[in-house]
Amino acid sequence: MKTGDKELALAAKGGDAKAFSLLLERFYDRLFGLCFRLMGSHAEAEDLCQDICAALPAKLTRFEGGSAFSTWLYRVAVNAAHDRRRRAGTRAKAAQGWGDWEVNRTEAMREQAEAQDWLIRAVGMLSNDLRDTVALVMDDMNHREVGEVLGVSEGTVSWRMSEVKKHLKALKESEQ
């Protein structure tokens, strides 16, 4: 019988190293994918994901099991991304814009890669609330689950996704 995520998390919280290892095996790829969508860069996603994993044993002491482990873990990731963005804010002002680099890089890519890069760049231009929402939805979470992670109603998630679509459509039209 397969042990559930909550049970593994609670065991890991109690110091069970094997349970912690199994949690990382189950969630690392999804966590990395979310980190990539939240940060928009492979290197930033790697750094963020490693930071989260390193801090996870201490953070597990606050996991109570009231929600799904994935919901709790995604909230930890969203918070960590917010912190990283805040710290990077002043450095980003002094550096050349990410958009310029991204535009130059995508010129050499095949058509499919260009479309994917455009989406990543466009999502990076969204407000943090919209970016966080779309990143979680892109991870195949339903609006109720996304609402739980972000601490908002399901209706707010639906409204945010509507806003994301409007912003992306307007951006695409302005570029044509």
C-alpha atoms as a PDB file:
ATOM      1  CA  MET A   1       0.000   0.000   0.000  1.00  0.00           C
ATOM      2  CA  LYS A   2       1.313   3.419  -0.969  1.00  0.00           C
ATOM      3  CA  THR A   3       1.784   5.881   1.901  1.00  0.00           C
ATOM      4  CA  GLY A   4      -0.077   9.176   1.406  1.00  0.00           C
ATOM      5  CA  ASP A   5       1.666  12.505   1.076  1.00  0.00           C
ATOM      6  CA  LYS A   6       0.246  13.856   4.352  1.00  0.00           C
ATOM      7  CA  GLU A   7       1.392  10.807   6.250  1.00  0.00           C
ATOM      8  CA  LEU A   8       4.882  11.084   4.743  1.00  0.00           C
ATOM      9  CA  ALA A   9       5.017  14.794   5.562  1.00  0.00           C
ATOM     10  CA  LEU A  10       3.970  14.221   9.152  1.00  0.00           C
ATOM     11  CA  ALA A  11       6.527  11.418   9.477  1.00  0.00           C
ATOM     12  CA  ALA A  12       9.229  13.651   7.973  1.00  0.00           C
ATOM     13  CA  LYS A  13       8.186  16.399  10.380  1.00  0.00           C
ATOM     14  CA  GLY A  14       8.895  13.913  13.172  1.00  0.00           C
ATOM     15  CA  GLY A  15      12.409  13.306  11.845  1.00  0.00           C
ATOM     16  CA  ASP A  16      11.873  10.315   9.538  1.00  0.00           C
ATOM     17  CA  ALA A  17      14.608  10.783   6.909  1.00  0.00           C
ATOM     18  CA  LYS A  18      13.204   8.064   4.624  1.00  0.00           C
ATOM     19  CA  ALA A  19       9.800   9.768   4.589  1.00  0.00           C
ATOM     20  CA  PHE A  20      11.488  13.084   3.767  1.00  0.00           C
ATOM     21  CA  SER A  21      13.418  11.445   0.932  1.00  0.00           C
ATOM     22  CA  LEU A  22      10.226   9.913  -0.483  1.00  0.00           C
ATOM     23  CA  LEU A  23       8.486  13.321  -0.349  1.00  0.00           C
ATOM     24  CA  LEU A  24      11.318  14.894  -2.323  1.00  0.00           C
ATOM     25  CA  GLU A  25      11.196  12.063  -4.873  1.00  0.00           C
ATOM     26  CA  ARG A  26       7.451  12.567  -5.335  1.00  0.00           C
ATOM     27  CA  PHE A  27       7.428  16.347  -5.506  1.00  0.00           C
ATOM     28  CA  TYR A  28      10.794  17.554  -6.788  1.00  0.00           C
ATOM     29  CA  ASP A  29       9.917  17.619 -10.489  1.00  0.00           C
ATOM     30  CA  ARG A  30       6.609  19.405  -9.887  1.00  0.00           C
ATOM     31  CA  LEU A  31       8.264  21.802  -7.446  1.00  0.00           C
ATOM     32  CA  PHE A  32      10.985  22.600  -9.973  1.00  0.00           C
ATOM     33  CA  GLY A  33       8.384  23.157 -12.712  1.00  0.00           C
ATOM     34  CA  LEU A  34       6.492  25.575 -10.485  1.00  0.00           C
ATOM     35  CA  CYS A  35       9.722  27.365  -9.554  1.00  0.00           C
ATOM     36  CA  PHE A  36      10.561  27.723 -13.246  1.00  0.00           C
ATOM     37  CA  ARG A  37       7.172  29.235 -14.013  1.00  0.00           C
ATOM     38  CA  LEU A  38       7.383  31.539 -11.007  1.00  0.00           C
ATOM     39  CA  MET A  39      10.896  32.762 -11.804  1.00  0.00           C
ATOM     40  CA  GLY A  40      11.032  32.531 -15.622  1.00  0.00           C
ATOM     41  CA  SER A  41      14.622  31.326 -15.694  1.00  0.00           C
ATOM     42  CA  HIS A  42      16.139  27.857 -15.432  1.00  0.00           C
ATOM     43  CA  ALA A  43      19.035  29.043 -13.257  1.00  0.00           C
ATOM     44  CA  GLU A  44      16.741  31.022 -10.917  1.00  0.00           C
ATOM     45  CA  ALA A  45      14.393  28.037 -10.703  1.00  0.00           C
ATOM     46  CA  GLU A  46      17.282  25.731  -9.765  1.00  0.00           C
ATOM     47  CA  ASP A  47      18.448  28.125  -7.057  1.00  0.00           C
ATOM     48  CA  LEU A  48      14.942  28.638  -5.679  1.00  0.00           C
ATOM     49  CA  CYS A  49      14.144  24.927  -5.708  1.00  0.00           C
ATOM     50  CA  GLN A  50      17.407  24.102  -3.904  1.00  0.00           C
ATOM     51  CA  ASP A  51      16.736  26.807  -1.315  1.00  0.00           C
ATOM     52  CA  ILE A  52      13.245  25.417  -0.694  1.00  0.00           C
ATOM     53  CA  CYS A  53      14.521  21.850  -0.368  1.00  0.00           C
ATOM     54  CA  ALA A  54      17.280  22.918   2.023  1.00  0.00           C
ATOM     55  CA  ALA A  55      14.800  24.823   4.204  1.00  0.00           C
ATOM     56  CA  LEU A  56      12.081  22.182   4.001  1.00  0.00           C
ATOM     57  CA  PRO A  57      13.055  20.147   7.102  1.00  0.00           C
ATOM     58  CA  ALA A  58      12.729  23.260   9.281  1.00  0.00           C
ATOM     59  CA  LYS A  59       9.562  24.401   7.502  1.00  0.00           C
ATOM     60  CA  LEU A  60       7.944  20.984   7.967  1.00  0.00           C
ATOM     61  CA  THR A  61       7.716  21.707  11.685  1.00  0.00           C
ATOM     62  CA  ARG A  62       4.839  24.061  10.764  1.00  0.00           C
ATOM     63  CA  PHE A  63       2.983  21.526   8.583  1.00  0.00           C
ATOM     64  CA  GLU A  64      -0.140  20.517  10.466  1.00  0.00           C
ATOM     65  CA  GLY A  65      -1.816  18.351   7.826  1.00  0.00           C
ATOM     66  CA  GLY A  66      -4.901  20.564   7.565  1.00  0.00           C
ATOM     67  CA  SER A  67      -4.488  20.788   3.806  1.00  0.00           C
ATOM     68  CA  ALA A  68      -2.915  18.593   1.165  1.00  0.00           C
ATOM     69  CA  PHE A  69       0.865  18.485   1.361  1.00  0.00           C
ATOM     70  CA  SER A  70       1.068  19.721  -2.238  1.00  0.00           C
ATOM     71  CA  THR A  71      -1.029  22.783  -1.344  1.00  0.00           C
ATOM     72  CA  TRP A  72       1.210  23.542   1.632  1.00  0.00           C
ATOM     73  CA  LEU A  73       4.404  22.973  -0.398  1.00  0.00           C
ATOM     74  CA  TYR A  74       3.201  25.220  -3.244  1.00  0.00           C
ATOM     75  CA  ARG A  75       2.438  27.967  -0.725  1.00  0.00           C
ATOM     76  CA  VAL A  76       6.020  27.612   0.587  1.00  0.00           C
ATOM     77  CA  ALA A  77       7.286  27.894  -3.014  1.00  0.00           C
ATOM     78  CA  VAL A  78       5.155  30.952  -3.809  1.00  0.00           C
ATOM     79  CA  ASN A  79       6.349  32.680  -0.627  1.00  0.00           C
ATOM     80  CA  ALA A  80       9.973  31.824  -1.401  1.00  0.00           C
ATOM     81  CA  ALA A  81       9.566  33.201  -4.939  1.00  0.00           C
ATOM     82  CA  HIS A  82       8.096  36.430  -3.532  1.00  0.00           C
ATOM     83  CA  ASP A  83      11.088  36.785  -1.203  1.00  0.00           C
ATOM     84  CA  ARG A  84      13.571  36.111  -4.004  1.00  0.00           C
ATOM     85  CA  ARG A  85      11.854  38.632  -6.325  1.00  0.00           C
ATOM     86  CA  ARG A  86      11.900  41.288  -3.613  1.00  0.00           C
ATOM     87  CA  ARG A  87      15.620  40.786  -3.034  1.00  0.00           C
ATOM     88  CA  ALA A  88      16.341  40.803  -6.767  1.00  0.00           C
ATOM     89  CA  GLY A  89      14.348  43.980  -7.388  1.00  0.00           C
ATOM     90  CA  THR A  90      17.148  46.456  -6.771  1.00  0.00           C
ATOM     91  CA  ARG A  91      19.710  44.366  -8.676  1.00  0.00           C
ATOM     92  CA  ALA A  92      17.374  44.102 -11.665  1.00  0.00           C
ATOM     93  CA  LYS A  93      17.086  47.894 -11.944  1.00  0.00           C
ATOM     94  CA  ALA A  94      20.840  48.207 -12.404  1.00  0.00           C
ATOM     95  CA  ALA A  95      21.127  45.350 -14.910  1.00  0.00           C
ATOM     96  CA  GLN A  96      20.108  45.247 -18.531  1.00  0.00           C
ATOM     97  CA  GLY A  97      16.471  44.178 -18.849  1.00  0.00           C
ATOM     98  CA  TRP A  98      15.603  40.516 -19.016  1.00  0.00           C
ATOM     99  CA  GLY A  99      13.232  41.250 -21.905  1.00  0.00           C
ATOM    100  CA  ASP A 100      16.072  42.535 -24.123  1.00  0.00           C
ATOM    101  CA  TRP A 101      18.101  39.410 -23.492  1.00  0.00           C
ATOM    102  CA  GLU A 102      15.060  37.221 -24.077  1.00  0.00           C
ATOM    103  CA  VAL A 103      14.200  38.927 -27.385  1.00  0.00           C
ATOM    104  CA  ASN A 104      17.782  38.476 -28.670  1.00  0.00           C
ATOM    105  CA  ARG A 105      17.850  34.831 -27.574  1.00  0.00           C
ATOM    106  CA  THR A 106      14.542  33.897 -29.180  1.00  0.00           C
ATOM    107  CA  GLU A 107      15.531  35.303 -32.576  1.00  0.00           C
ATOM    108  CA  ALA A 108      17.843  32.303 -33.057  1.00  0.00           C
ATOM    109  CA  MET A 109      15.308  29.686 -31.891  1.00  0.00           C
ATOM    110  CA  ARG A 110      12.939  27.527 -33.925  1.00  0.00           C
ATOM    111  CA  GLU A 111       9.287  28.595 -34.169  1.00  0.00           C
ATOM    112  CA  GLN A 112       8.085  26.329 -31.363  1.00  0.00           C
ATOM    113  CA  ALA A 113      10.810  27.489 -28.993  1.00  0.00           C
ATOM    114  CA  GLU A 114      10.034  31.127 -29.848  1.00  0.00           C
ATOM    115  CA  ALA A 115       6.377  30.659 -28.884  1.00  0.00           C
ATOM    116  CA  GLN A 116       7.351  29.074 -25.570  1.00  0.00           C
ATOM    117  CA  ASP A 117       9.860  31.819 -24.821  1.00  0.00           C
ATOM    118  CA  TRP A 118       7.304  34.504 -25.645  1.00  0.00           C
ATOM    119  CA  LEU A 119       4.886  32.974 -23.153  1.00  0.00           C
ATOM    120  CA  ILE A 120       7.523  32.849 -20.423  1.00  0.00           C
ATOM    121  CA  ARG A 121       8.475  36.484 -21.083  1.00  0.00           C
ATOM    122  CA  ALA A 122       4.832  37.564 -21.187  1.00  0.00           C
ATOM    123  CA  VAL A 123       4.000  35.805 -17.926  1.00  0.00           C
ATOM    124  CA  GLY A 124       7.050  37.482 -16.385  1.00  0.00           C
ATOM    125  CA  MET A 125       5.474  40.864 -17.192  1.00  0.00           C
ATOM    126  CA  LEU A 126       2.334  40.078 -15.209  1.00  0.00           C
ATOM    127  CA  SER A 127       1.821  41.295 -11.674  1.00  0.00           C
ATOM    128  CA  ASN A 128       2.991  38.885  -8.985  1.00  0.00           C
ATOM    129  CA  ASP A 129      -0.602  37.847  -8.148  1.00  0.00           C
ATOM    130  CA  LEU A 130      -1.417  37.015 -11.771  1.00  0.00           C
ATOM    131  CA  ARG A 131       1.960  35.344 -12.349  1.00  0.00           C
ATOM    132  CA  ASP A 132       1.556  33.155  -9.262  1.00  0.00           C
ATOM    133  CA  THR A 133      -1.976  32.200 -10.279  1.00  0.00           C
ATOM    134  CA  VAL A 134      -1.079  31.241 -13.852  1.00  0.00           C
ATOM    135  CA  ALA A 135       2.008  29.327 -12.691  1.00  0.00           C
ATOM    136  CA  LEU A 136      -0.120  27.155 -10.415  1.00  0.00           C
ATOM    137  CA  VAL A 137      -2.858  26.645 -13.040  1.00  0.00           C
ATOM    138  CA  MET A 138      -0.179  25.603 -15.538  1.00  0.00           C
ATOM    139  CA  ASP A 139       0.805  22.917 -13.024  1.00  0.00           C
ATOM    140  CA  ASP A 140      -2.576  21.245 -13.656  1.00  0.00           C
ATOM    141  CA  MET A 141      -4.128  22.474 -10.415  1.00  0.00           C
ATOM    142  CA  ASN A 142      -7.823  23.319 -10.507  1.00  0.00           C
ATOM    143  CA  HIS A 143      -9.037  26.747  -9.444  1.00  0.00           C
ATOM    144  CA  ARG A 144     -10.132  25.517  -6.009  1.00  0.00           C
ATOM    145  CA  GLU A 145      -6.674  24.092  -5.299  1.00  0.00           C
ATOM    146  CA  VAL A 146      -4.961  27.237  -6.592  1.00  0.00           C
ATOM    147  CA  GLY A 147      -7.230  29.273  -4.317  1.00  0.00           C
ATOM    148  CA  GLU A 148      -6.160  27.170  -1.333  1.00  0.00           C
ATOM    149  CA  VAL A 149      -2.468  27.678  -2.116  1.00  0.00           C
ATOM    150  CA  LEU A 150      -2.829  31.427  -2.608  1.00  0.00           C
ATOM    151  CA  GLY A 151      -5.398  31.965   0.161  1.00  0.00           C
ATOM    152  CA  VAL A 152      -8.062  33.403  -2.171  1.00  0.00           C
ATOM    153  CA  SER A 153     -11.471  32.230  -3.342  1.00  0.00           C
ATOM    154  CA  GLU A 154     -12.000  30.030  -6.366  1.00  0.00           C
ATOM    155  CA  GLY A 155     -13.837  32.942  -7.988  1.00  0.00           C
ATOM    156  CA  THR A 156     -10.802  35.184  -7.512  1.00  0.00           C
ATOM    157  CA  VAL A 157      -8.636  32.573  -9.240  1.00  0.00           C
ATOM    158  CA  SER A 158     -11.090  32.459 -12.164  1.00  0.00           C
ATOM    159  CA  TRP A 159     -11.086  36.263 -12.380  1.00  0.00           C
ATOM    160  CA  ARG A 160      -7.280  36.350 -12.300  1.00  0.00           C
ATOM    161  CA  MET A 161      -7.080  33.805 -15.119  1.00  0.00           C
ATOM    162  CA  SER A 162      -9.472  35.958 -17.122  1.00  0.00           C
ATOM    163  CA  GLU A 163      -7.166  38.934 -16.513  1.00  0.00           C
ATOM    164  CA  VAL A 164      -4.134  36.872 -17.551  1.00  0.00           C
ATOM    165  CA  LYS A 165      -5.840  36.009 -20.844  1.00  0.00           C
ATOM    166  CA  LYS A 166      -6.695  39.686 -21.453  1.00  0.00           C
ATOM    167  CA  HIS A 167      -3.116  40.801 -20.720  1.00  0.00           C
ATOM    168  CA  LEU A 168      -1.567  38.115 -22.911  1.00  0.00           C
ATOM    169  CA  LYS A 169      -3.979  38.841 -25.785  1.00  0.00           C
ATOM    170  CA  ALA A 170      -3.305  42.588 -25.585  1.00  0.00           C
ATOM    171  CA  LEU A 171       0.444  42.008 -25.472  1.00  0.00           C
ATOM    172  CA  LYS A 172       0.297  39.678 -28.495  1.00  0.00           C
ATOM    173  CA  GLU A 173      -1.799  42.175 -30.461  1.00  0.00           C
ATOM    174  CA  SER A 174       0.544  45.059 -29.586  1.00  0.00           C
ATOM    175  CA  GLU A 175       3.527  43.066 -30.878  1.00  0.00           C
ATOM    176  CA  GLN A 176       1.949  42.278 -34.276  1.00  0.00           C
END
